[in-house]
Amino acid sequence: MEAAAPAAHLDAVRRLLAGEEVTVQGRYARLDGVRLEFPPERAPPVPAGVRGPRSRGVSGRHADGTLPAEPVTPAYLAAARASIARGQDADSVVLSAPGDAAERLDRAAVLNGPPGG
């Protein structure tokens, strides 16, 4: 089962940034005919901050990128990439690690999983 609230929030924000009028009647968000007065000419990416596999899957289906929770290890990022990729083309998965974690991680481990994994 998909986490409905985060998916609805991501979809509403993306639609607002695209200049659409949005109506959402959810448990945590209610918008009735809301439209940005000055939407951007080009909508910016809308990433999602996530922790577990369900939220990573929502990110893959509804966000433009994923900000994984800390601690970030090569194994965590490999698992995150797999969860996110289930919702989108694996070549379009965008991960951003907090702080300098991305610099400390081996790129092959992030993209292909840990050695032997």
PDB file of N, CA and C in Angstrom:
ATOM      1  N   MET A   1       0.840  -1.183   0.000  1.00  0.00           N
ATOM      2  CA  MET A   1       0.000   0.000   0.000  1.00  0.00           C
ATOM      3  C   MET A   1       0.884   1.245   0.000  1.00  0.00           C
ATOM      4  N   GLU A   2       0.566   2.198  -0.865  1.00  0.00           N
ATOM      5  CA  GLU A   2       1.352   3.413  -0.977  1.00  0.00           C
ATOM      6  C   GLU A   2       1.028   4.374   0.151  1.00  0.00           C
ATOM      7  N   ALA A   3       2.035   5.084   0.607  1.00  0.00           N
ATOM      8  CA  ALA A   3       1.829   6.107   1.628  1.00  0.00           C
ATOM      9  C   ALA A   3       1.106   7.278   0.976  1.00  0.00           C
ATOM     10  N   ALA A   4      -0.196   7.377   1.198  1.00  0.00           N
ATOM     11  CA  ALA A   4      -1.054   8.318   0.467  1.00  0.00           C
ATOM     12  C   ALA A   4      -0.737   9.784   0.753  1.00  0.00           C
ATOM     13  N   ALA A   5      -0.512  10.152   2.005  1.00  0.00           N
ATOM     14  CA  ALA A   5      -0.310  11.562   2.334  1.00  0.00           C
ATOM     15  C   ALA A   5       0.935  12.144   1.663  1.00  0.00           C
ATOM     16  N   PRO A   6       2.113  11.505   1.782  1.00  0.00           N
ATOM     17  CA  PRO A   6       3.283  12.078   1.100  1.00  0.00           C
ATOM     18  C   PRO A   6       3.108  12.137  -0.413  1.00  0.00           C
ATOM     19  N   ALA A   7       2.495  11.129  -1.002  1.00  0.00           N
ATOM     20  CA  ALA A   7       2.273  11.124  -2.450  1.00  0.00           C
ATOM     21  C   ALA A   7       1.371  12.286  -2.846  1.00  0.00           C
ATOM     22  N   ALA A   8       0.295  12.494  -2.101  1.00  0.00           N
ATOM     23  CA  ALA A   8      -0.632  13.587  -2.405  1.00  0.00           C
ATOM     24  C   ALA A   8       0.048  14.941  -2.244  1.00  0.00           C
ATOM     25  N   HIS A   9       0.876  15.082  -1.215  1.00  0.00           N
ATOM     26  CA  HIS A   9       1.585  16.351  -1.002  1.00  0.00           C
ATOM     27  C   HIS A   9       2.548  16.627  -2.151  1.00  0.00           C
ATOM     28  N   LEU A  10       3.327  15.626  -2.535  1.00  0.00           N
ATOM     29  CA  LEU A  10       4.279  15.806  -3.632  1.00  0.00           C
ATOM     30  C   LEU A  10       3.556  16.160  -4.926  1.00  0.00           C
ATOM     31  N   ASP A  11       2.472  15.456  -5.209  1.00  0.00           N
ATOM     32  CA  ASP A  11       1.714  15.726  -6.428  1.00  0.00           C
ATOM     33  C   ASP A  11       1.131  17.139  -6.409  1.00  0.00           C
ATOM     34  N   ALA A  12       0.597  17.566  -5.266  1.00  0.00           N
ATOM     35  CA  ALA A  12       0.007  18.904  -5.161  1.00  0.00           C
ATOM     36  C   ALA A  12       1.072  19.981  -5.367  1.00  0.00           C
ATOM     37  N   VAL A  13       2.225  19.822  -4.748  1.00  0.00           N
ATOM     38  CA  VAL A  13       3.298  20.817  -4.895  1.00  0.00           C
ATOM     39  C   VAL A  13       3.759  20.881  -6.350  1.00  0.00           C
ATOM     40  N   ARG A  14       3.943  19.727  -6.980  1.00  0.00           N
ATOM     41  CA  ARG A  14       4.383  19.715  -8.383  1.00  0.00           C
ATOM     42  C   ARG A  14       3.343  20.377  -9.281  1.00  0.00           C
ATOM     43  N   ARG A  15       2.066  20.121  -9.034  1.00  0.00           N
ATOM     44  CA  ARG A  15       1.009  20.728  -9.846  1.00  0.00           C
ATOM     45  C   ARG A  15       0.953  22.247  -9.619  1.00  0.00           C
ATOM     46  N   LEU A  16       1.098  22.679  -8.370  1.00  0.00           N
ATOM     47  CA  LEU A  16       1.113  24.113  -8.088  1.00  0.00           C
ATOM     48  C   LEU A  16       2.271  24.795  -8.807  1.00  0.00           C
ATOM     49  N   LEU A  17       3.444  24.203  -8.737  1.00  0.00           N
ATOM     50  CA  LEU A  17       4.613  24.787  -9.392  1.00  0.00           C
ATOM     51  C   LEU A  17       4.482  24.797 -10.910  1.00  0.00           C
ATOM     52  N   ALA A  18       3.654  23.891 -11.441  1.00  0.00           N
ATOM     53  CA  ALA A  18       3.406  23.854 -12.886  1.00  0.00           C
ATOM     54  C   ALA A  18       2.338  24.873 -13.303  1.00  0.00           C
ATOM     55  N   GLY A  19       1.781  25.608 -12.327  1.00  0.00           N
ATOM     56  CA  GLY A  19       0.799  26.637 -12.631  1.00  0.00           C
ATOM     57  C   GLY A  19      -0.643  26.158 -12.645  1.00  0.00           C
ATOM     58  N   GLU A  20      -0.876  24.924 -12.209  1.00  0.00           N
ATOM     59  CA  GLU A  20      -2.230  24.376 -12.204  1.00  0.00           C
ATOM     60  C   GLU A  20      -3.012  24.840 -10.973  1.00  0.00           C
ATOM     61  N   GLU A  21      -4.324  24.782 -11.098  1.00  0.00           N
ATOM     62  CA  GLU A  21      -5.191  24.982  -9.947  1.00  0.00           C
ATOM     63  C   GLU A  21      -5.366  23.624  -9.278  1.00  0.00           C
ATOM     64  N   VAL A  22      -5.207  23.592  -7.957  1.00  0.00           N
ATOM     65  CA  VAL A  22      -5.182  22.320  -7.241  1.00  0.00           C
ATOM     66  C   VAL A  22      -6.267  22.276  -6.174  1.00  0.00           C
ATOM     67  N   THR A  23      -6.997  21.167  -6.167  1.00  0.00           N
ATOM     68  CA  THR A  23      -7.949  20.870  -5.106  1.00  0.00           C
ATOM     69  C   THR A  23      -7.579  19.509  -4.534  1.00  0.00           C
ATOM     70  N   VAL A  24      -7.315  19.466  -3.250  1.00  0.00           N
ATOM     71  CA  VAL A  24      -6.953  18.226  -2.554  1.00  0.00           C
ATOM     72  C   VAL A  24      -7.748  18.182  -1.259  1.00  0.00           C
ATOM     73  N   GLN A  25      -8.410  17.091  -1.002  1.00  0.00           N
ATOM     74  CA  GLN A  25      -9.141  16.907   0.248  1.00  0.00           C
ATOM     75  C   GLN A  25      -8.598  15.661   0.926  1.00  0.00           C
ATOM     76  N   GLY A  26      -7.518  15.814   1.660  1.00  0.00           N
ATOM     77  CA  GLY A  26      -6.890  14.688   2.339  1.00  0.00           C
ATOM     78  C   GLY A  26      -6.918  14.862   3.833  1.00  0.00           C
ATOM     79  N   ARG A  27      -6.366  13.881   4.503  1.00  0.00           N
ATOM     80  CA  ARG A  27      -6.330  13.921   5.964  1.00  0.00           C
ATOM     81  C   ARG A  27      -5.416  15.030   6.477  1.00  0.00           C
ATOM     82  N   TYR A  28      -4.289  15.242   5.794  1.00  0.00           N
ATOM     83  CA  TYR A  28      -3.298  16.204   6.277  1.00  0.00           C
ATOM     84  C   TYR A  28      -3.205  17.466   5.437  1.00  0.00           C
ATOM     85  N   ALA A  29      -3.837  17.480   4.288  1.00  0.00           N
ATOM     86  CA  ALA A  29      -3.787  18.665   3.435  1.00  0.00           C
ATOM     87  C   ALA A  29      -5.144  18.869   2.782  1.00  0.00           C
ATOM     88  N   ARG A  30      -5.591  20.118   2.803  1.00  0.00           N
ATOM     89  CA  ARG A  30      -6.845  20.469   2.141  1.00  0.00           C
ATOM     90  C   ARG A  30      -6.609  21.749   1.344  1.00  0.00           C
ATOM     91  N   LEU A  31      -6.725  21.641   0.062  1.00  0.00           N
ATOM     92  CA  LEU A  31      -6.597  22.787  -0.829  1.00  0.00           C
ATOM     93  C   LEU A  31      -7.859  22.842  -1.667  1.00  0.00           C
ATOM     94  N   ASP A  32      -8.451  24.015  -1.773  1.00  0.00           N
ATOM     95  CA  ASP A  32      -9.687  24.152  -2.540  1.00  0.00           C
ATOM     96  C   ASP A  32      -9.486  25.218  -3.619  1.00  0.00           C
ATOM     97  N   GLY A  33      -9.171  24.764  -4.811  1.00  0.00           N
ATOM     98  CA  GLY A  33      -8.976  25.688  -5.923  1.00  0.00           C
ATOM     99  C   GLY A  33      -7.781  26.597  -5.750  1.00  0.00           C
ATOM    100  N   VAL A  34      -6.708  26.089  -5.188  1.00  0.00           N
ATOM    101  CA  VAL A  34      -5.507  26.899  -4.931  1.00  0.00           C
ATOM    102  C   VAL A  34      -4.641  26.951  -6.190  1.00  0.00           C
ATOM    103  N   ARG A  35      -4.143  28.130  -6.478  1.00  0.00           N
ATOM    104  CA  ARG A  35      -3.234  28.332  -7.604  1.00  0.00           C
ATOM    105  C   ARG A  35      -2.199  29.375  -7.170  1.00  0.00           C
ATOM    106  N   LEU A  36      -0.953  29.186  -7.558  1.00  0.00           N
ATOM    107  CA  LEU A  36       0.065  30.185  -7.267  1.00  0.00           C
ATOM    108  C   LEU A  36      -0.190  31.423  -8.117  1.00  0.00           C
ATOM    109  N   GLU A  37      -0.106  32.585  -7.487  1.00  0.00           N
ATOM    110  CA  GLU A  37      -0.325  33.820  -8.229  1.00  0.00           C
ATOM    111  C   GLU A  37       0.784  34.043  -9.249  1.00  0.00           C
ATOM    112  N   PHE A  38       2.013  33.686  -8.866  1.00  0.00           N
ATOM    113  CA  PHE A  38       3.145  33.856  -9.764  1.00  0.00           C
ATOM    114  C   PHE A  38       3.945  32.550  -9.827  1.00  0.00           C
ATOM    115  N   PRO A  39       3.455  31.550 -10.551  1.00  0.00           N
ATOM    116  CA  PRO A  39       4.218  30.299 -10.640  1.00  0.00           C
ATOM    117  C   PRO A  39       5.521  30.540 -11.389  1.00  0.00           C
ATOM    118  N   PRO A  40       6.530  29.744 -11.109  1.00  0.00           N
ATOM    119  CA  PRO A  40       7.801  29.925 -11.819  1.00  0.00           C
ATOM    120  C   PRO A  40       7.640  29.600 -13.305  1.00  0.00           C
ATOM    121  N   GLU A  41       8.457  30.247 -14.131  1.00  0.00           N
ATOM    122  CA  GLU A  41       8.421  29.940 -15.563  1.00  0.00           C
ATOM    123  C   GLU A  41       8.737  28.476 -15.807  1.00  0.00           C
ATOM    124  N   ARG A  42       9.677  27.993 -15.057  1.00  0.00           N
ATOM    125  CA  ARG A  42      10.079  26.587 -15.151  1.00  0.00           C
ATOM    126  C   ARG A  42      10.059  26.022 -13.737  1.00  0.00           C
ATOM    127  N   ALA A  43       9.232  25.016 -13.528  1.00  0.00           N
ATOM    128  CA  ALA A  43       9.096  24.451 -12.181  1.00  0.00           C
ATOM    129  C   ALA A  43      10.416  23.839 -11.721  1.00  0.00           C
ATOM    130  N   PRO A  44      10.822  24.132 -10.480  1.00  0.00           N
ATOM    131  CA  PRO A  44      12.043  23.518  -9.947  1.00  0.00           C
ATOM    132  C   PRO A  44      11.787  22.057  -9.590  1.00  0.00           C
ATOM    133  N   PRO A  45      12.844  21.269  -9.469  1.00  0.00           N
ATOM    134  CA  PRO A  45      12.665  19.883  -9.028  1.00  0.00           C
ATOM    135  C   PRO A  45      12.077  19.843  -7.617  1.00  0.00           C
ATOM    136  N   VAL A  46      11.272  18.834  -7.361  1.00  0.00           N
ATOM    137  CA  VAL A  46      10.675  18.643  -6.045  1.00  0.00           C
ATOM    138  C   VAL A  46      11.179  17.304  -5.508  1.00  0.00           C
ATOM    139  N   PRO A  47      12.211  17.341  -4.654  1.00  0.00           N
ATOM    140  CA  PRO A  47      12.716  16.089  -4.076  1.00  0.00           C
ATOM    141  C   PRO A  47      11.920  15.718  -2.825  1.00  0.00           C
ATOM    142  N   ALA A  48      12.109  14.490  -2.376  1.00  0.00           N
ATOM    143  CA  ALA A  48      11.457  14.025  -1.150  1.00  0.00           C
ATOM    144  C   ALA A  48      12.511  13.522  -0.178  1.00  0.00           C
ATOM    145  N   GLY A  49      12.408  13.955   1.067  1.00  0.00           N
ATOM    146  CA  GLY A  49      13.248  13.425   2.130  1.00  0.00           C
ATOM    147  C   GLY A  49      12.610  12.140   2.644  1.00  0.00           C
ATOM    148  N   VAL A  50      13.360  11.058   2.655  1.00  0.00           N
ATOM    149  CA  VAL A  50      12.784   9.744   2.975  1.00  0.00           C
ATOM    150  C   VAL A  50      13.676   8.947   3.908  1.00  0.00           C
ATOM    151  N   ARG A  51      13.087   7.891   4.488  1.00  0.00           N
ATOM    152  CA  ARG A  51      13.833   6.981   5.347  1.00  0.00           C
ATOM    153  C   ARG A  51      13.613   5.530   4.925  1.00  0.00           C
ATOM    154  N   GLY A  52      12.385   5.046   5.008  1.00  0.00           N
ATOM    155  CA  GLY A  52      12.120   3.627   4.792  1.00  0.00           C
ATOM    156  C   GLY A  52      11.767   3.271   3.357  1.00  0.00           C
ATOM    157  N   PRO A  53      11.622   1.969   3.073  1.00  0.00           N
ATOM    158  CA  PRO A  53      11.363   1.511   1.710  1.00  0.00           C
ATOM    159  C   PRO A  53      10.041   2.017   1.124  1.00  0.00           C
ATOM    160  N   ARG A  54       8.995   2.140   1.936  1.00  0.00           N
ATOM    161  CA  ARG A  54       7.727   2.653   1.397  1.00  0.00           C
ATOM    162  C   ARG A  54       7.863   4.097   0.948  1.00  0.00           C
ATOM    163  N   SER A  55       8.493   4.918   1.781  1.00  0.00           N
ATOM    164  CA  SER A  55       8.641   6.326   1.401  1.00  0.00           C
ATOM    165  C   SER A  55       9.609   6.475   0.234  1.00  0.00           C
ATOM    166  N   ARG A  56      10.616   5.603   0.140  1.00  0.00           N
ATOM    167  CA  ARG A  56      11.517   5.647  -1.022  1.00  0.00           C
ATOM    168  C   ARG A  56      10.750   5.298  -2.288  1.00  0.00           C
ATOM    169  N   GLY A  57       9.829   4.338  -2.206  1.00  0.00           N
ATOM    170  CA  GLY A  57       9.010   3.996  -3.364  1.00  0.00           C
ATOM    171  C   GLY A  57       8.121   5.159  -3.788  1.00  0.00           C
ATOM    172  N   VAL A  58       7.541   5.856  -2.803  1.00  0.00           N
ATOM    173  CA  VAL A  58       6.729   7.042  -3.098  1.00  0.00           C
ATOM    174  C   VAL A  58       7.599   8.088  -3.781  1.00  0.00           C
ATOM    175  N   SER A  59       8.808   8.271  -3.292  1.00  0.00           N
ATOM    176  CA  SER A  59       9.723   9.225  -3.893  1.00  0.00           C
ATOM    177  C   SER A  59       9.983   8.870  -5.353  1.00  0.00           C
ATOM    178  N   GLY A  60      10.185   7.594  -5.624  1.00  0.00           N
ATOM    179  CA  GLY A  60      10.431   7.164  -6.998  1.00  0.00           C
ATOM    180  C   GLY A  60       9.259   7.434  -7.925  1.00  0.00           C
ATOM    181  N   ARG A  61       8.051   7.354  -7.393  1.00  0.00           N
ATOM    182  CA  ARG A  61       6.857   7.553  -8.214  1.00  0.00           C
ATOM    183  C   ARG A  61       6.400   9.008  -8.294  1.00  0.00           C
ATOM    184  N   HIS A  62       6.702   9.819  -7.271  1.00  0.00           N
ATOM    185  CA  HIS A  62       6.081  11.138  -7.189  1.00  0.00           C
ATOM    186  C   HIS A  62       7.053  12.309  -7.063  1.00  0.00           C
ATOM    187  N   ALA A  63       8.331  12.059  -6.830  1.00  0.00           N
ATOM    188  CA  ALA A  63       9.286  13.153  -6.625  1.00  0.00           C
ATOM    189  C   ALA A  63      10.302  13.200  -7.764  1.00  0.00           C
ATOM    190  N   ASP A  64      11.039  14.291  -7.791  1.00  0.00           N
ATOM    191  CA  ASP A  64      12.078  14.474  -8.804  1.00  0.00           C
ATOM    192  C   ASP A  64      13.452  14.077  -8.310  1.00  0.00           C
ATOM    193  N   GLY A  65      13.545  13.679  -7.074  1.00  0.00           N
ATOM    194  CA  GLY A  65      14.812  13.269  -6.478  1.00  0.00           C
ATOM    195  C   GLY A  65      14.553  12.778  -5.074  1.00  0.00           C
ATOM    196  N   THR A  66      15.577  12.212  -4.474  1.00  0.00           N
ATOM    197  CA  THR A  66      15.424  11.624  -3.150  1.00  0.00           C
ATOM    198  C   THR A  66      16.548  12.087  -2.244  1.00  0.00           C
ATOM    199  N   LEU A  67      16.182  12.532  -1.061  1.00  0.00           N
ATOM    200  CA  LEU A  67      17.145  12.917  -0.033  1.00  0.00           C
ATOM    201  C   LEU A  67      17.063  11.865   1.062  1.00  0.00           C
ATOM    202  N   PRO A  68      17.997  10.919   1.087  1.00  0.00           N
ATOM    203  CA  PRO A  68      17.919   9.847   2.085  1.00  0.00           C
ATOM    204  C   PRO A  68      18.248  10.346   3.479  1.00  0.00           C
ATOM    205  N   ALA A  69      17.679   9.667   4.455  1.00  0.00           N
ATOM    206  CA  ALA A  69      17.940   9.996   5.853  1.00  0.00           C
ATOM    207  C   ALA A  69      19.339   9.520   6.243  1.00  0.00           C
ATOM    208  N   GLU A  70      19.870  10.124   7.285  1.00  0.00           N
ATOM    209  CA  GLU A  70      21.160   9.677   7.797  1.00  0.00           C
ATOM    210  C   GLU A  70      20.935   8.529   8.761  1.00  0.00           C
ATOM    211  N   PRO A  71      21.836   7.638   9.025  1.00  0.00           N
ATOM    212  CA  PRO A  71      23.178   7.587   8.459  1.00  0.00           C
ATOM    213  C   PRO A  71      23.139   7.041   7.034  1.00  0.00           C
ATOM    214  N   VAL A  72      24.028   7.564   6.212  1.00  0.00           N
ATOM    215  CA  VAL A  72      24.104   7.150   4.820  1.00  0.00           C
ATOM    216  C   VAL A  72      25.351   6.296   4.643  1.00  0.00           C
ATOM    217  N   THR A  73      25.122   5.046   4.311  1.00  0.00           N
ATOM    218  CA  THR A  73      26.211   4.111   4.046  1.00  0.00           C
ATOM    219  C   THR A  73      26.047   3.597   2.623  1.00  0.00           C
ATOM    220  N   PRO A  74      27.083   2.988   2.048  1.00  0.00           N
ATOM    221  CA  PRO A  74      26.926   2.418   0.704  1.00  0.00           C
ATOM    222  C   PRO A  74      25.785   1.399   0.641  1.00  0.00           C
ATOM    223  N   ALA A  75      25.640   0.582   1.666  1.00  0.00           N
ATOM    224  CA  ALA A  75      24.564  -0.421   1.673  1.00  0.00           C
ATOM    225  C   ALA A  75      23.196   0.254   1.710  1.00  0.00           C
ATOM    226  N   TYR A  76      23.051   1.303   2.534  1.00  0.00           N
ATOM    227  CA  TYR A  76      21.778   2.022   2.615  1.00  0.00           C
ATOM    228  C   TYR A  76      21.446   2.658   1.269  1.00  0.00           C
ATOM    229  N   LEU A  77      22.431   3.311   0.640  1.00  0.00           N
ATOM    230  CA  LEU A  77      22.167   3.959  -0.635  1.00  0.00           C
ATOM    231  C   LEU A  77      21.842   2.947  -1.730  1.00  0.00           C
ATOM    232  N   ALA A  78      22.486   1.794  -1.711  1.00  0.00           N
ATOM    233  CA  ALA A  78      22.167   0.758  -2.694  1.00  0.00           C
ATOM    234  C   ALA A  78      20.724   0.284  -2.505  1.00  0.00           C
ATOM    235  N   ALA A  79      20.314   0.071  -1.259  1.00  0.00           N
ATOM    236  CA  ALA A  79      18.935  -0.344  -0.978  1.00  0.00           C
ATOM    237  C   ALA A  79      17.960   0.779  -1.351  1.00  0.00           C
ATOM    238  N   ALA A  80      18.339   2.016  -1.061  1.00  0.00           N
ATOM    239  CA  ALA A  80      17.487   3.151  -1.405  1.00  0.00           C
ATOM    240  C   ALA A  80      17.306   3.239  -2.907  1.00  0.00           C
ATOM    241  N   ARG A  81      18.381   3.098  -3.640  1.00  0.00           N
ATOM    242  CA  ARG A  81      18.305   3.170  -5.101  1.00  0.00           C
ATOM    243  C   ARG A  81      17.376   2.095  -5.643  1.00  0.00           C
ATOM    244  N   ALA A  82      17.456   0.893  -5.100  1.00  0.00           N
ATOM    245  CA  ALA A  82      16.590  -0.199  -5.551  1.00  0.00           C
ATOM    246  C   ALA A  82      15.120   0.112  -5.265  1.00  0.00           C
ATOM    247  N   SER A  83      14.821   0.629  -4.076  1.00  0.00           N
ATOM    248  CA  SER A  83      13.444   0.973  -3.724  1.00  0.00           C
ATOM    249  C   SER A  83      12.900   2.077  -4.621  1.00  0.00           C
ATOM    250  N   ILE A  84      13.720   3.085  -4.855  1.00  0.00           N
ATOM    251  CA  ILE A  84      13.301   4.221  -5.664  1.00  0.00           C
ATOM    252  C   ILE A  84      13.088   3.785  -7.108  1.00  0.00           C
ATOM    253  N   ALA A  85      13.985   2.950  -7.613  1.00  0.00           N
ATOM    254  CA  ALA A  85      13.924   2.520  -9.007  1.00  0.00           C
ATOM    255  C   ALA A  85      12.664   1.724  -9.312  1.00  0.00           C
ATOM    256  N   ARG A  86      12.066   1.091  -8.316  1.00  0.00           N
ATOM    257  CA  ARG A  86      10.820   0.360  -8.559  1.00  0.00           C
ATOM    258  C   ARG A  86       9.730   1.289  -9.058  1.00  0.00           C
ATOM    259  N   GLY A  87       9.854   2.577  -8.733  1.00  0.00           N
ATOM    260  CA  GLY A  87       8.834   3.535  -9.134  1.00  0.00           C
ATOM    261  C   GLY A  87       9.188   4.337 -10.368  1.00  0.00           C
ATOM    262  N   GLN A  88      10.388   4.169 -10.915  1.00  0.00           N
ATOM    263  CA  GLN A  88      10.767   4.951 -12.085  1.00  0.00           C
ATOM    264  C   GLN A  88      11.895   4.269 -12.830  1.00  0.00           C
ATOM    265  N   ASP A  89      12.242   4.809 -13.964  1.00  0.00           N
ATOM    266  CA  ASP A  89      13.351   4.330 -14.760  1.00  0.00           C
ATOM    267  C   ASP A  89      14.620   4.421 -13.911  1.00  0.00           C
ATOM    268  N   ALA A  90      15.313   3.310 -13.755  1.00  0.00           N
ATOM    269  CA  ALA A  90      16.485   3.272 -12.876  1.00  0.00           C
ATOM    270  C   ALA A  90      17.544   4.291 -13.270  1.00  0.00           C
ATOM    271  N   ASP A  91      17.636   4.653 -14.552  1.00  0.00           N
ATOM    272  CA  ASP A  91      18.628   5.630 -14.972  1.00  0.00           C
ATOM    273  C   ASP A  91      18.288   7.043 -14.521  1.00  0.00           C
ATOM    274  N   SER A  92      17.034   7.273 -14.080  1.00  0.00           N
ATOM    275  CA  SER A  92      16.652   8.620 -13.677  1.00  0.00           C
ATOM    276  C   SER A  92      16.618   8.792 -12.163  1.00  0.00           C
ATOM    277  N   VAL A  93      17.069   7.787 -11.413  1.00  0.00           N
ATOM    278  CA  VAL A  93      17.085   7.892  -9.955  1.00  0.00           C
ATOM    279  C   VAL A  93      18.108   8.940  -9.540  1.00  0.00           C
ATOM    280  N   VAL A  94      17.661   9.896  -8.729  1.00  0.00           N
ATOM    281  CA  VAL A  94      18.542  10.951  -8.250  1.00  0.00           C
ATOM    282  C   VAL A  94      18.620  10.836  -6.737  1.00  0.00           C
ATOM    283  N   LEU A  95      19.830  10.664  -6.238  1.00  0.00           N
ATOM    284  CA  LEU A  95      20.047  10.603  -4.800  1.00  0.00           C
ATOM    285  C   LEU A  95      20.944  11.755  -4.394  1.00  0.00           C
ATOM    286  N   SER A  96      20.675  12.315  -3.253  1.00  0.00           N
ATOM    287  CA  SER A  96      21.536  13.332  -2.691  1.00  0.00           C
ATOM    288  C   SER A  96      21.779  12.960  -1.237  1.00  0.00           C
ATOM    289  N   ALA A  97      23.027  12.723  -0.902  1.00  0.00           N
ATOM    290  CA  ALA A  97      23.362  12.343   0.466  1.00  0.00           C
ATOM    291  C   ALA A  97      23.612  13.597   1.294  1.00  0.00           C
ATOM    292  N   PRO A  98      23.208  13.581   2.571  1.00  0.00           N
ATOM    293  CA  PRO A  98      23.421  14.742   3.437  1.00  0.00           C
ATOM    294  C   PRO A  98      24.904  15.047   3.641  1.00  0.00           C
ATOM    295  N   GLY A  99      25.209  16.324   3.782  1.00  0.00           N
ATOM    296  CA  GLY A  99      26.569  16.751   4.090  1.00  0.00           C
ATOM    297  C   GLY A  99      27.584  16.258   3.083  1.00  0.00           C
ATOM    298  N   ASP A 100      28.720  15.811   3.572  1.00  0.00           N
ATOM    299  CA  ASP A 100      29.762  15.326   2.679  1.00  0.00           C
ATOM    300  C   ASP A 100      29.715  13.811   2.521  1.00  0.00           C
ATOM    301  N   ALA A 101      28.601  13.195   2.896  1.00  0.00           N
ATOM    302  CA  ALA A 101      28.508  11.732   2.842  1.00  0.00           C
ATOM    303  C   ALA A 101      28.737  11.208   1.434  1.00  0.00           C
ATOM    304  N   ALA A 102      28.215  11.909   0.428  1.00  0.00           N
ATOM    305  CA  ALA A 102      28.389  11.439  -0.949  1.00  0.00           C
ATOM    306  C   ALA A 102      29.861  11.388  -1.326  1.00  0.00           C
ATOM    307  N   GLU A 103      30.642  12.351  -0.835  1.00  0.00           N
ATOM    308  CA  GLU A 103      32.065  12.353  -1.140  1.00  0.00           C
ATOM    309  C   GLU A 103      32.782  11.196  -0.457  1.00  0.00           C
ATOM    310  N   ARG A 104      32.274  10.763   0.696  1.00  0.00           N
ATOM    311  CA  ARG A 104      32.921   9.699   1.449  1.00  0.00           C
ATOM    312  C   ARG A 104      32.546   8.317   0.943  1.00  0.00           C
ATOM    313  N   LEU A 105      31.495   8.222   0.155  1.00  0.00           N
ATOM    314  CA  LEU A 105      31.032   6.922  -0.311  1.00  0.00           C
ATOM    315  C   LEU A 105      31.624   6.590  -1.671  1.00  0.00           C
ATOM    316  N   ASP A 106      31.874   5.341  -1.871  1.00  0.00           N
ATOM    317  CA  ASP A 106      32.382   4.877  -3.149  1.00  0.00           C
ATOM    318  C   ASP A 106      31.251   4.924  -4.177  1.00  0.00           C
ATOM    319  N   ARG A 107      31.462   5.630  -5.283  1.00  0.00           N
ATOM    320  CA  ARG A 107      30.406   5.800  -6.287  1.00  0.00           C
ATOM    321  C   ARG A 107      29.909   4.452  -6.813  1.00  0.00           C
ATOM    322  N   ALA A 108      30.773   3.509  -7.024  1.00  0.00           N
ATOM    323  CA  ALA A 108      30.332   2.191  -7.529  1.00  0.00           C
ATOM    324  C   ALA A 108      29.393   1.520  -6.535  1.00  0.00           C
ATOM    325  N   ALA A 109      29.648   1.687  -5.246  1.00  0.00           N
ATOM    326  CA  ALA A 109      28.779   1.082  -4.239  1.00  0.00           C
ATOM    327  C   ALA A 109      27.401   1.730  -4.270  1.00  0.00           C
ATOM    328  N   VAL A 110      27.372   3.027  -4.504  1.00  0.00           N
ATOM    329  CA  VAL A 110      26.107   3.731  -4.552  1.00  0.00           C
ATOM    330  C   VAL A 110      25.305   3.301  -5.771  1.00  0.00           C
ATOM    331  N   LEU A 111      25.956   3.222  -6.913  1.00  0.00           N
ATOM    332  CA  LEU A 111      25.245   2.923  -8.143  1.00  0.00           C
ATOM    333  C   LEU A 111      24.974   1.440  -8.354  1.00  0.00           C
ATOM    334  N   ASN A 112      25.893   0.583  -7.913  1.00  0.00           N
ATOM    335  CA  ASN A 112      25.765  -0.836  -8.214  1.00  0.00           C
ATOM    336  C   ASN A 112      25.572  -1.727  -7.002  1.00  0.00           C
ATOM    337  N   GLY A 113      25.538  -1.143  -5.828  1.00  0.00           N
ATOM    338  CA  GLY A 113      25.420  -1.945  -4.614  1.00  0.00           C
ATOM    339  C   GLY A 113      26.801  -2.270  -4.063  1.00  0.00           C
ATOM    340  N   PRO A 114      26.862  -2.707  -2.826  1.00  0.00           N
ATOM    341  CA  PRO A 114      28.151  -3.008  -2.216  1.00  0.00           C
ATOM    342  C   PRO A 114      28.802  -4.209  -2.900  1.00  0.00           C
ATOM    343  N   PRO A 115      30.122  -4.327  -2.832  1.00  0.00           N
ATOM    344  CA  PRO A 115      30.811  -5.465  -3.445  1.00  0.00           C
ATOM    345  C   PRO A 115      30.206  -6.774  -2.966  1.00  0.00           C
ATOM    346  N   GLY A 116      29.963  -7.667  -3.917  1.00  0.00           N
ATOM    347  CA  GLY A 116      29.383  -8.964  -3.581  1.00  0.00           C
ATOM    348  C   GLY A 116      27.889  -8.893  -3.348  1.00  0.00           C
ATOM    349  N   GLY A 117      27.261  -7.701  -3.502  1.00  0.00           N
ATOM    350  CA  GLY A 117      25.850  -7.500  -3.217  1.00  0.00           C
ATOM    351  C   GLY A 117      25.020  -7.545  -4.386  1.00  0.00           C
TER     352      GLY A 117
END
